């Protein structure tokens, strides 16, 4: 079975920093794109950042210049470094990855269960 486990969510003051981690485990042939999403209460789940297998990145406008997504392929882990946090960043942050489980199979999206980030003012 494939598992994605997020960690690093916490309570932090505005202006502070956190680093989220998401480790992918299980029998996996290849990890393609990896993403971080977030969802605040009453809001839809939106993509925050994306990183491809080649390391190309993309960010939501709301976090550009403050967040950095990275990956360690040897550890099957994706990170989200969050700096200059604002109260509006408060949300459950979810890790998602497009995984190829067997050679020649198409990729499918898998999700973690989320980690809560609370930014206080």
Protein backbone atom coordinates (compact mmCIF):
# COMPACT_ATOMS: atom_id res chain seq x y z
CA UNK A 1 0.00 0.00 0.00
CA UNK A 2 1.04 3.54 -0.71
CA UNK A 3 1.03 6.09 2.07
CA UNK A 4 1.65 9.80 2.12
CA UNK A 5 2.29 11.21 5.57
CA UNK A 6 2.56 14.93 6.22
CA UNK A 7 4.30 16.39 9.21
CA UNK A 8 5.40 19.75 10.50
CA UNK A 9 2.12 21.52 11.00
CA UNK A 10 2.00 23.64 14.11
CA UNK A 11 0.90 26.88 15.69
CA UNK A 12 3.12 29.77 14.73
CA UNK A 13 2.96 33.52 15.10
CA UNK A 14 2.49 35.77 12.11
CA UNK A 15 5.81 36.41 10.45
CA UNK A 16 7.19 33.09 11.54
CA UNK A 17 8.25 30.07 9.55
CA UNK A 18 7.43 26.39 9.29
CA UNK A 19 8.63 23.56 7.14
CA UNK A 20 6.20 20.86 6.17
CA UNK A 21 7.32 17.43 5.07
CA UNK A 22 5.54 14.68 3.21
CA UNK A 23 7.06 11.25 2.91
CA UNK A 24 5.76 8.79 0.35
CA UNK A 25 6.11 5.14 1.24
CA UNK A 26 5.16 1.87 -0.37
CA UNK A 27 5.96 0.08 -3.57
CA UNK A 28 6.44 2.86 -6.10
CA UNK A 29 8.07 2.79 -9.47
CA UNK A 30 8.18 6.53 -10.02
CA UNK A 31 7.00 9.75 -8.46
CA UNK A 32 6.01 12.38 -10.97
CA UNK A 33 4.52 15.68 -9.82
CA UNK A 34 4.22 16.45 -6.15
CA UNK A 35 1.98 19.16 -4.79
CA UNK A 36 0.90 20.92 -1.66
CA UNK A 37 -2.71 21.96 -1.25
CA UNK A 38 -4.43 23.77 1.54
CA UNK A 39 -7.99 24.07 2.72
CA UNK A 40 -9.37 26.49 5.23
CA UNK A 41 -12.76 25.89 6.89
CA UNK A 42 -15.57 26.68 4.48
CA UNK A 43 -13.16 27.09 1.60
CA UNK A 44 -12.26 24.89 -1.32
CA UNK A 45 -9.02 23.02 -1.47
CA UNK A 46 -6.53 24.97 -3.54
CA UNK A 47 -3.11 24.09 -4.84
CA UNK A 48 -0.33 25.97 -3.12
CA UNK A 49 2.77 24.70 -4.89
CA UNK A 50 3.81 22.10 -7.42
CA UNK A 51 7.12 20.49 -8.18
CA UNK A 52 7.73 18.17 -11.10
CA UNK A 53 10.01 15.18 -11.21
CA UNK A 54 12.55 17.41 -12.93
CA UNK A 55 12.40 20.04 -10.23
CA UNK A 56 10.32 22.69 -11.97
CA UNK A 57 8.14 24.61 -9.54
CA UNK A 58 4.95 26.60 -9.61
CA UNK A 59 3.24 28.58 -6.86
CA UNK A 60 -0.08 30.13 -6.14
CA UNK A 61 0.08 33.90 -6.34
CA UNK A 62 -0.81 34.19 -2.67
CA UNK A 63 2.38 32.43 -1.57
CA UNK A 64 4.91 33.49 -4.19
CA UNK A 65 8.05 34.83 -2.62
CA UNK A 66 7.18 33.33 0.76
CA UNK A 67 6.89 29.58 0.21
CA UNK A 68 9.35 27.21 -1.39
CA UNK A 69 8.60 23.67 -2.49
CA UNK A 70 11.42 21.17 -2.83
CA UNK A 71 11.89 17.44 -3.01
CA UNK A 72 14.41 14.83 -2.01
CA UNK A 73 13.99 11.99 -4.43
CA UNK A 74 16.25 9.68 -2.45
CA UNK A 75 13.88 10.03 0.50
CA UNK A 76 10.65 10.13 -1.52
CA UNK A 77 9.88 13.31 0.34
CA UNK A 78 8.52 16.70 -0.63
CA UNK A 79 8.90 19.78 1.54
CA UNK A 80 7.17 23.10 1.82
CA UNK A 81 9.19 25.84 3.45
CA UNK A 82 6.82 28.55 4.60
CA UNK A 83 8.23 31.92 5.58
CA UNK A 84 6.61 35.21 6.53
CA UNK A 85 3.46 33.39 7.50
CA UNK A 86 0.20 35.29 7.66
CA UNK A 87 -3.02 34.48 9.49
CA UNK A 88 -4.67 33.85 6.13
CA UNK A 89 -2.25 30.96 5.62
CA UNK A 90 -4.09 29.08 8.35
CA UNK A 91 -5.40 25.86 6.84
CA UNK A 92 -4.99 22.14 6.68
CA UNK A 93 -2.16 21.46 4.29
CA UNK A 94 -2.34 18.36 2.16
CA UNK A 95 0.37 16.60 0.24
CA UNK A 96 -0.47 15.01 -3.09
CA UNK A 97 1.69 13.05 -5.47
CA UNK A 98 1.24 11.57 -8.89
CA UNK A 99 2.62 8.06 -8.53
CA UNK A 100 3.42 5.36 -11.03
CA UNK A 101 3.19 2.11 -9.15
CA UNK A 102 4.38 -0.21 -11.90
CA UNK A 103 6.45 0.23 -15.00
CA UNK A 104 4.32 1.23 -17.99
CA UNK A 105 1.35 2.13 -15.79
CA UNK A 106 -0.12 5.59 -15.92
CA UNK A 107 0.30 7.84 -12.95
CA UNK A 108 -2.43 8.32 -10.38
CA UNK A 109 -2.88 10.92 -7.68
CA UNK A 110 -2.50 9.98 -4.03
CA UNK A 111 -3.21 12.15 -1.03
CA UNK A 112 -2.08 12.47 2.51
CA UNK A 113 -4.43 13.14 5.38
CA UNK A 114 -3.23 16.66 6.01
CA UNK A 115 -1.42 18.61 8.68
CA UNK A 116 -2.82 21.69 10.39
CA UNK A 117 -1.03 25.01 10.20
CA UNK A 118 -2.35 27.76 12.42
CA UNK A 119 -0.91 31.26 12.16
CA UNK A 120 -1.82 33.52 15.03
CA UNK A 121 -1.85 37.30 15.01
